[in-house]
Amino acid sequence: MFYGNIGSDELLDFTVVGPAVNEVARIAAMCRSAERNVLLSQAFADAAARSEHGRLVSVGRYALGGVERPRELFTLDPFWKG
């Protein structure tokens, strides 16, 4: 991920770019077609697993534009009783 000001003296914009940013943007865009308010990557689910104790459930593997392989996505279990 790279971040910073991009542009010219007349038009300067702060932005972030890179493969991780692209993947997050694609996952966010999948919320509508997957009919979920929240989608998480496998990496995020793995990192959160210690504290979530079964609260995250897989919604399947999805091809994401500009991402090499399909990614398994997760969401919050609506029936979880923590």
PDB file of N, CA and C in Angstrom:
ATOM      1  N   MET A   1       0.837  -1.155   0.000  1.00  0.00           N
ATOM      2  CA  MET A   1       0.000   0.000   0.000  1.00  0.00           C
ATOM      3  C   MET A   1       0.894   1.233   0.000  1.00  0.00           C
ATOM      4  N   PHE A   2       0.544   2.173  -0.807  1.00  0.00           N
ATOM      5  CA  PHE A   2       1.222   3.469  -0.852  1.00  0.00           C
ATOM      6  C   PHE A   2       0.180   4.541  -0.584  1.00  0.00           C
ATOM      7  N   TYR A   3       0.557   5.578   0.125  1.00  0.00           N
ATOM      8  CA  TYR A   3      -0.372   6.660   0.377  1.00  0.00           C
ATOM      9  C   TYR A   3       0.370   7.980   0.263  1.00  0.00           C
ATOM     10  N   GLY A   4      -0.386   9.008  -0.012  1.00  0.00           N
ATOM     11  CA  GLY A   4       0.213  10.333  -0.096  1.00  0.00           C
ATOM     12  C   GLY A   4      -0.564  11.224  -1.034  1.00  0.00           C
ATOM     13  N   ASN A   5       0.009  12.382  -1.268  1.00  0.00           N
ATOM     14  CA  ASN A   5      -0.592  13.361  -2.160  1.00  0.00           C
ATOM     15  C   ASN A   5      -0.185  13.047  -3.591  1.00  0.00           C
ATOM     16  N   ILE A   6      -1.171  12.982  -4.468  1.00  0.00           N
ATOM     17  CA  ILE A   6      -0.936  12.705  -5.876  1.00  0.00           C
ATOM     18  C   ILE A   6      -1.586  13.821  -6.675  1.00  0.00           C
ATOM     19  N   GLY A   7      -0.874  14.296  -7.667  1.00  0.00           N
ATOM     20  CA  GLY A   7      -1.438  15.334  -8.519  1.00  0.00           C
ATOM     21  C   GLY A   7      -0.421  16.393  -8.861  1.00  0.00           C
ATOM     22  N   SER A   8      -0.910  17.586  -9.061  1.00  0.00           N
ATOM     23  CA  SER A   8      -0.057  18.719  -9.437  1.00  0.00           C
ATOM     24  C   SER A   8      -0.305  19.869  -8.462  1.00  0.00           C
ATOM     25  N   ASP A   9       0.391  20.967  -8.682  1.00  0.00           N
ATOM     26  CA  ASP A   9       0.206  22.138  -7.820  1.00  0.00           C
ATOM     27  C   ASP A   9      -1.230  22.664  -7.873  1.00  0.00           C
ATOM     28  N   GLU A  10      -1.876  22.514  -9.027  1.00  0.00           N
ATOM     29  CA  GLU A  10      -3.241  23.012  -9.190  1.00  0.00           C
ATOM     30  C   GLU A  10      -4.289  22.064  -8.598  1.00  0.00           C
ATOM     31  N   LEU A  11      -4.027  20.778  -8.621  1.00  0.00           N
ATOM     32  CA  LEU A  11      -4.991  19.800  -8.135  1.00  0.00           C
ATOM     33  C   LEU A  11      -4.244  18.677  -7.417  1.00  0.00           C
ATOM     34  N   LEU A  12      -4.308  18.720  -6.105  1.00  0.00           N
ATOM     35  CA  LEU A  12      -3.606  17.754  -5.272  1.00  0.00           C
ATOM     36  C   LEU A  12      -4.627  16.938  -4.501  1.00  0.00           C
ATOM     37  N   ASP A  13      -4.457  15.618  -4.494  1.00  0.00           N
ATOM     38  CA  ASP A  13      -5.423  14.738  -3.845  1.00  0.00           C
ATOM     39  C   ASP A  13      -4.667  13.733  -2.987  1.00  0.00           C
ATOM     40  N   PHE A  14      -5.118  13.540  -1.750  1.00  0.00           N
ATOM     41  CA  PHE A  14      -4.550  12.516  -0.889  1.00  0.00           C
ATOM     42  C   PHE A  14      -5.251  11.201  -1.210  1.00  0.00           C
ATOM     43  N   THR A  15      -4.492  10.146  -1.452  1.00  0.00           N
ATOM     44  CA  THR A  15      -5.088   8.871  -1.825  1.00  0.00           C
ATOM     45  C   THR A  15      -4.229   7.710  -1.357  1.00  0.00           C
ATOM     46  N   VAL A  16      -4.796   6.527  -1.414  1.00  0.00           N
ATOM     47  CA  VAL A  16      -4.056   5.293  -1.145  1.00  0.00           C
ATOM     48  C   VAL A  16      -4.219   4.392  -2.359  1.00  0.00           C
ATOM     49  N   VAL A  17      -3.161   3.673  -2.719  1.00  0.00           N
ATOM     50  CA  VAL A  17      -3.191   2.767  -3.863  1.00  0.00           C
ATOM     51  C   VAL A  17      -2.420   1.506  -3.518  1.00  0.00           C
ATOM     52  N   GLY A  18      -2.692   0.467  -4.264  1.00  0.00           N
ATOM     53  CA  GLY A  18      -1.956  -0.777  -4.097  1.00  0.00           C
ATOM     54  C   GLY A  18      -2.887  -1.973  -4.088  1.00  0.00           C
ATOM     55  N   PRO A  19      -2.322  -3.167  -4.164  1.00  0.00           N
ATOM     56  CA  PRO A  19      -3.130  -4.387  -4.215  1.00  0.00           C
ATOM     57  C   PRO A  19      -4.063  -4.552  -3.011  1.00  0.00           C
ATOM     58  N   ALA A  20      -3.613  -4.234  -1.824  1.00  0.00           N
ATOM     59  CA  ALA A  20      -4.462  -4.388  -0.627  1.00  0.00           C
ATOM     60  C   ALA A  20      -5.658  -3.448  -0.696  1.00  0.00           C
ATOM     61  N   VAL A  21      -5.442  -2.241  -1.164  1.00  0.00           N
ATOM     62  CA  VAL A  21      -6.528  -1.263  -1.287  1.00  0.00           C
ATOM     63  C   VAL A  21      -7.533  -1.747  -2.325  1.00  0.00           C
ATOM     64  N   ASN A  22      -7.045  -2.275  -3.446  1.00  0.00           N
ATOM     65  CA  ASN A  22      -7.925  -2.806  -4.479  1.00  0.00           C
ATOM     66  C   ASN A  22      -8.773  -3.950  -3.923  1.00  0.00           C
ATOM     67  N   GLU A  23      -8.147  -4.864  -3.188  1.00  0.00           N
ATOM     68  CA  GLU A  23      -8.888  -6.002  -2.649  1.00  0.00           C
ATOM     69  C   GLU A  23      -9.982  -5.548  -1.680  1.00  0.00           C
ATOM     70  N   VAL A  24      -9.665  -4.608  -0.813  1.00  0.00           N
ATOM     71  CA  VAL A  24     -10.664  -4.102   0.136  1.00  0.00           C
ATOM     72  C   VAL A  24     -11.818  -3.432  -0.602  1.00  0.00           C
ATOM     73  N   ALA A  25     -11.519  -2.653  -1.622  1.00  0.00           N
ATOM     74  CA  ALA A  25     -12.570  -1.995  -2.402  1.00  0.00           C
ATOM     75  C   ALA A  25     -13.467  -3.016  -3.083  1.00  0.00           C
ATOM     76  N   ARG A  26     -12.885  -4.089  -3.607  1.00  0.00           N
ATOM     77  CA  ARG A  26     -13.672  -5.136  -4.262  1.00  0.00           C
ATOM     78  C   ARG A  26     -14.541  -5.889  -3.259  1.00  0.00           C
ATOM     79  N   ILE A  27     -13.997  -6.160  -2.069  1.00  0.00           N
ATOM     80  CA  ILE A  27     -14.777  -6.837  -1.028  1.00  0.00           C
ATOM     81  C   ILE A  27     -15.957  -5.956  -0.610  1.00  0.00           C
ATOM     82  N   ALA A  28     -15.715  -4.681  -0.421  1.00  0.00           N
ATOM     83  CA  ALA A  28     -16.801  -3.755  -0.050  1.00  0.00           C
ATOM     84  C   ALA A  28     -17.880  -3.734  -1.122  1.00  0.00           C
ATOM     85  N   ALA A  29     -17.481  -3.777  -2.376  1.00  0.00           N
ATOM     86  CA  ALA A  29     -18.447  -3.762  -3.473  1.00  0.00           C
ATOM     87  C   ALA A  29     -19.264  -5.057  -3.524  1.00  0.00           C
ATOM     88  N   MET A  30     -18.749  -6.141  -2.994  1.00  0.00           N
ATOM     89  CA  MET A  30     -19.447  -7.425  -2.990  1.00  0.00           C
ATOM     90  C   MET A  30     -20.605  -7.459  -1.992  1.00  0.00           C
ATOM     91  N   CYS A  31     -20.654  -6.541  -1.056  1.00  0.00           N
ATOM     92  CA  CYS A  31     -21.712  -6.547  -0.042  1.00  0.00           C
ATOM     93  C   CYS A  31     -23.100  -6.584  -0.672  1.00  0.00           C
ATOM     94  N   ARG A  32     -23.313  -5.830  -1.701  1.00  0.00           N
ATOM     95  CA  ARG A  32     -24.636  -5.768  -2.332  1.00  0.00           C
ATOM     96  C   ARG A  32     -24.999  -7.100  -2.967  1.00  0.00           C
ATOM     97  N   SER A  33     -24.107  -7.656  -3.796  1.00  0.00           N
ATOM     98  CA  SER A  33     -24.457  -8.899  -4.489  1.00  0.00           C
ATOM     99  C   SER A  33     -24.500 -10.094  -3.539  1.00  0.00           C
ATOM    100  N   ALA A  34     -23.739 -10.050  -2.450  1.00  0.00           N
ATOM    101  CA  ALA A  34     -23.771 -11.129  -1.453  1.00  0.00           C
ATOM    102  C   ALA A  34     -24.889 -10.903  -0.430  1.00  0.00           C
ATOM    103  N   GLU A  35     -25.584  -9.787  -0.553  1.00  0.00           N
ATOM    104  CA  GLU A  35     -26.681  -9.411   0.345  1.00  0.00           C
ATOM    105  C   GLU A  35     -26.256  -9.440   1.809  1.00  0.00           C
ATOM    106  N   ARG A  36     -25.120  -8.798   2.084  1.00  0.00           N
ATOM    107  CA  ARG A  36     -24.575  -8.700   3.443  1.00  0.00           C
ATOM    108  C   ARG A  36     -24.188  -7.258   3.720  1.00  0.00           C
ATOM    109  N   ASN A  37     -24.354  -6.834   4.971  1.00  0.00           N
ATOM    110  CA  ASN A  37     -23.930  -5.490   5.361  1.00  0.00           C
ATOM    111  C   ASN A  37     -22.439  -5.432   5.624  1.00  0.00           C
ATOM    112  N   VAL A  38     -21.864  -6.571   6.023  1.00  0.00           N
ATOM    113  CA  VAL A  38     -20.448  -6.638   6.378  1.00  0.00           C
ATOM    114  C   VAL A  38     -19.834  -7.854   5.713  1.00  0.00           C
ATOM    115  N   LEU A  39     -18.705  -7.666   5.012  1.00  0.00           N
ATOM    116  CA  LEU A  39     -17.913  -8.772   4.491  1.00  0.00           C
ATOM    117  C   LEU A  39     -16.473  -8.581   4.935  1.00  0.00           C
ATOM    118  N   LEU A  40     -15.835  -9.680   5.267  1.00  0.00           N
ATOM    119  CA  LEU A  40     -14.460  -9.654   5.757  1.00  0.00           C
ATOM    120  C   LEU A  40     -13.614 -10.619   4.948  1.00  0.00           C
ATOM    121  N   SER A  41     -12.356 -10.292   4.780  1.00  0.00           N
ATOM    122  CA  SER A  41     -11.434 -11.178   4.089  1.00  0.00           C
ATOM    123  C   SER A  41     -11.021 -12.337   4.996  1.00  0.00           C
ATOM    124  N   GLN A  42     -10.443 -13.363   4.384  1.00  0.00           N
ATOM    125  CA  GLN A  42      -9.914 -14.499   5.138  1.00  0.00           C
ATOM    126  C   GLN A  42      -8.846 -14.028   6.122  1.00  0.00           C
ATOM    127  N   ALA A  43      -7.983 -13.126   5.672  1.00  0.00           N
ATOM    128  CA  ALA A  43      -6.912 -12.624   6.548  1.00  0.00           C
ATOM    129  C   ALA A  43      -7.487 -11.916   7.769  1.00  0.00           C
ATOM    130  N   PHE A  44      -8.519 -11.116   7.577  1.00  0.00           N
ATOM    131  CA  PHE A  44      -9.145 -10.425   8.705  1.00  0.00           C
ATOM    132  C   PHE A  44      -9.830 -11.424   9.628  1.00  0.00           C
ATOM    133  N   ALA A  45     -10.540 -12.390   9.039  1.00  0.00           N
ATOM    134  CA  ALA A  45     -11.219 -13.410   9.841  1.00  0.00           C
ATOM    135  C   ALA A  45     -10.213 -14.203  10.666  1.00  0.00           C
ATOM    136  N   ASP A  46      -9.070 -14.547  10.069  1.00  0.00           N
ATOM    137  CA  ASP A  46      -8.028 -15.272  10.807  1.00  0.00           C
ATOM    138  C   ASP A  46      -7.511 -14.451  11.979  1.00  0.00           C
ATOM    139  N   ALA A  47      -7.298 -13.160  11.751  1.00  0.00           N
ATOM    140  CA  ALA A  47      -6.773 -12.285  12.812  1.00  0.00           C
ATOM    141  C   ALA A  47      -7.809 -12.083  13.916  1.00  0.00           C
ATOM    142  N   ALA A  48      -9.086 -12.071  13.560  1.00  0.00           N
ATOM    143  CA  ALA A  48     -10.147 -11.835  14.537  1.00  0.00           C
ATOM    144  C   ALA A  48     -10.603 -13.111  15.234  1.00  0.00           C
ATOM    145  N   ALA A  49     -10.204 -14.266  14.735  1.00  0.00           N
ATOM    146  CA  ALA A  49     -10.699 -15.554  15.246  1.00  0.00           C
ATOM    147  C   ALA A  49     -10.496 -15.717  16.741  1.00  0.00           C
ATOM    148  N   ARG A  50      -9.406 -15.216  17.273  1.00  0.00           N
ATOM    149  CA  ARG A  50      -9.134 -15.374  18.702  1.00  0.00           C
ATOM    150  C   ARG A  50     -10.161 -14.658  19.564  1.00  0.00           C
ATOM    151  N   SER A  51     -10.697 -13.557  19.092  1.00  0.00           N
ATOM    152  CA  SER A  51     -11.636 -12.793  19.923  1.00  0.00           C
ATOM    153  C   SER A  51     -13.099 -13.019  19.547  1.00  0.00           C
ATOM    154  N   GLU A  52     -13.357 -13.511  18.355  1.00  0.00           N
ATOM    155  CA  GLU A  52     -14.745 -13.641  17.895  1.00  0.00           C
ATOM    156  C   GLU A  52     -15.372 -14.984  18.254  1.00  0.00           C
ATOM    157  N   HIS A  53     -14.601 -16.015  18.512  1.00  0.00           N
ATOM    158  CA  HIS A  53     -15.105 -17.319  18.981  1.00  0.00           C
ATOM    159  C   HIS A  53     -16.335 -17.805  18.224  1.00  0.00           C
ATOM    160  N   GLY A  54     -16.232 -17.970  16.910  1.00  0.00           N
ATOM    161  CA  GLY A  54     -17.328 -18.519  16.130  1.00  0.00           C
ATOM    162  C   GLY A  54     -18.340 -17.512  15.635  1.00  0.00           C
ATOM    163  N   ARG A  55     -18.109 -16.265  15.864  1.00  0.00           N
ATOM    164  CA  ARG A  55     -19.073 -15.258  15.423  1.00  0.00           C
ATOM    165  C   ARG A  55     -19.014 -15.026  13.911  1.00  0.00           C
ATOM    166  N   LEU A  56     -17.899 -15.366  13.278  1.00  0.00           N
ATOM    167  CA  LEU A  56     -17.750 -15.159  11.844  1.00  0.00           C
ATOM    168  C   LEU A  56     -18.083 -16.434  11.087  1.00  0.00           C
ATOM    169  N   VAL A  57     -18.827 -16.305   9.988  1.00  0.00           N
ATOM    170  CA  VAL A  57     -19.179 -17.441   9.160  1.00  0.00           C
ATOM    171  C   VAL A  57     -18.828 -17.145   7.699  1.00  0.00           C
ATOM    172  N   SER A  58     -18.435 -18.184   6.996  1.00  0.00           N
ATOM    173  CA  SER A  58     -18.089 -18.050   5.580  1.00  0.00           C
ATOM    174  C   SER A  58     -19.351 -17.837   4.751  1.00  0.00           C
ATOM    175  N   VAL A  59     -19.234 -16.977   3.733  1.00  0.00           N
ATOM    176  CA  VAL A  59     -20.320 -16.801   2.775  1.00  0.00           C
ATOM    177  C   VAL A  59     -19.912 -17.332   1.404  1.00  0.00           C
ATOM    178  N   GLY A  60     -18.736 -17.954   1.335  1.00  0.00           N
ATOM    179  CA  GLY A  60     -18.277 -18.570   0.092  1.00  0.00           C
ATOM    180  C   GLY A  60     -17.063 -17.891  -0.505  1.00  0.00           C
ATOM    181  N   ARG A  61     -16.642 -18.457  -1.633  1.00  0.00           N
ATOM    182  CA  ARG A  61     -15.489 -17.923  -2.365  1.00  0.00           C
ATOM    183  C   ARG A  61     -15.995 -17.063  -3.519  1.00  0.00           C
ATOM    184  N   TYR A  62     -15.351 -15.925  -3.709  1.00  0.00           N
ATOM    185  CA  TYR A  62     -15.761 -14.990  -4.750  1.00  0.00           C
ATOM    186  C   TYR A  62     -14.557 -14.533  -5.557  1.00  0.00           C
ATOM    187  N   ALA A  63     -14.757 -14.413  -6.857  1.00  0.00           N
ATOM    188  CA  ALA A  63     -13.754 -13.806  -7.723  1.00  0.00           C
ATOM    189  C   ALA A  63     -13.881 -12.292  -7.572  1.00  0.00           C
ATOM    190  N   LEU A  64     -12.774 -11.648  -7.320  1.00  0.00           N
ATOM    191  CA  LEU A  64     -12.750 -10.200  -7.147  1.00  0.00           C
ATOM    192  C   LEU A  64     -11.950  -9.593  -8.291  1.00  0.00           C
ATOM    193  N   GLY A  65     -12.490  -8.595  -8.946  1.00  0.00           N
ATOM    194  CA  GLY A  65     -11.798  -7.962 -10.062  1.00  0.00           C
ATOM    195  C   GLY A  65     -10.418  -7.451  -9.663  1.00  0.00           C
ATOM    196  N   GLY A  66      -9.416  -7.789 -10.460  1.00  0.00           N
ATOM    197  CA  GLY A  66      -8.065  -7.318 -10.203  1.00  0.00           C
ATOM    198  C   GLY A  66      -7.327  -8.089  -9.123  1.00  0.00           C
ATOM    199  N   VAL A  67      -7.943  -9.148  -8.591  1.00  0.00           N
ATOM    200  CA  VAL A  67      -7.325  -9.986  -7.557  1.00  0.00           C
ATOM    201  C   VAL A  67      -7.078 -11.352  -8.182  1.00  0.00           C
ATOM    202  N   GLU A  68      -5.877 -11.859  -7.997  1.00  0.00           N
ATOM    203  CA  GLU A  68      -5.425 -13.048  -8.714  1.00  0.00           C
ATOM    204  C   GLU A  68      -6.330 -14.274  -8.565  1.00  0.00           C
ATOM    205  N   ARG A  69      -6.684 -14.634  -7.347  1.00  0.00           N
ATOM    206  CA  ARG A  69      -7.486 -15.839  -7.109  1.00  0.00           C
ATOM    207  C   ARG A  69      -8.757 -15.483  -6.354  1.00  0.00           C
ATOM    208  N   PRO A  70      -9.792 -16.334  -6.479  1.00  0.00           N
ATOM    209  CA  PRO A  70     -11.004 -16.109  -5.667  1.00  0.00           C
ATOM    210  C   PRO A  70     -10.652 -16.099  -4.185  1.00  0.00           C
ATOM    211  N   ARG A  71     -11.376 -15.320  -3.429  1.00  0.00           N
ATOM    212  CA  ARG A  71     -11.137 -15.187  -1.995  1.00  0.00           C
ATOM    213  C   ARG A  71     -12.356 -15.661  -1.221  1.00  0.00           C
ATOM    214  N   GLU A  72     -12.103 -16.364  -0.115  1.00  0.00           N
ATOM    215  CA  GLU A  72     -13.191 -16.729   0.775  1.00  0.00           C
ATOM    216  C   GLU A  72     -13.537 -15.503   1.610  1.00  0.00           C
ATOM    217  N   LEU A  73     -14.823 -15.195   1.674  1.00  0.00           N
ATOM    218  CA  LEU A  73     -15.286 -14.028   2.420  1.00  0.00           C
ATOM    219  C   LEU A  73     -16.137 -14.483   3.602  1.00  0.00           C
ATOM    220  N   PHE A  74     -16.132 -13.680   4.634  1.00  0.00           N
ATOM    221  CA  PHE A  74     -16.835 -13.987   5.873  1.00  0.00           C
ATOM    222  C   PHE A  74     -17.751 -12.839   6.255  1.00  0.00           C
ATOM    223  N   THR A  75     -18.739 -13.140   7.088  1.00  0.00           N
ATOM    224  CA  THR A  75     -19.629 -12.122   7.634  1.00  0.00           C
ATOM    225  C   THR A  75     -19.938 -12.482   9.079  1.00  0.00           C
ATOM    226  N   LEU A  76     -20.651 -11.612   9.745  1.00  0.00           N
ATOM    227  CA  LEU A  76     -21.054 -11.875  11.119  1.00  0.00           C
ATOM    228  C   LEU A  76     -22.231 -12.845  11.126  1.00  0.00           C
ATOM    229  N   ASP A  77     -22.184 -13.841  11.987  1.00  0.00           N
ATOM    230  CA  ASP A  77     -23.256 -14.831  12.111  1.00  0.00           C
ATOM    231  C   ASP A  77     -24.459 -14.153  12.754  1.00  0.00           C
ATOM    232  N   PRO A  78     -25.590 -14.067  12.029  1.00  0.00           N
ATOM    233  CA  PRO A  78     -26.760 -13.380  12.589  1.00  0.00           C
ATOM    234  C   PRO A  78     -27.409 -14.141  13.753  1.00  0.00           C
ATOM    235  N   PHE A  79     -27.053 -15.400  13.916  1.00  0.00           N
ATOM    236  CA  PHE A  79     -27.650 -16.219  14.972  1.00  0.00           C
ATOM    237  C   PHE A  79     -26.719 -16.430  16.153  1.00  0.00           C
ATOM    238  N   TRP A  80     -25.584 -15.749  16.156  1.00  0.00           N
ATOM    239  CA  TRP A  80     -24.588 -15.920  17.197  1.00  0.00           C
ATOM    240  C   TRP A  80     -25.119 -15.413  18.538  1.00  0.00           C
ATOM    241  N   LYS A  81     -24.986 -16.212  19.554  1.00  0.00           N
ATOM    242  CA  LYS A  81     -25.408 -15.830  20.907  1.00  0.00           C
ATOM    243  C   LYS A  81     -24.175 -15.846  21.795  1.00  0.00           C
ATOM    244  N   GLY A  82     -23.468 -14.747  21.841  1.00  0.00           N
ATOM    245  CA  GLY A  82     -22.224 -14.676  22.594  1.00  0.00           C
ATOM    246  C   GLY A  82     -22.448 -14.448  24.005  1.00  0.00           C
TER     247      GLY A  82
END
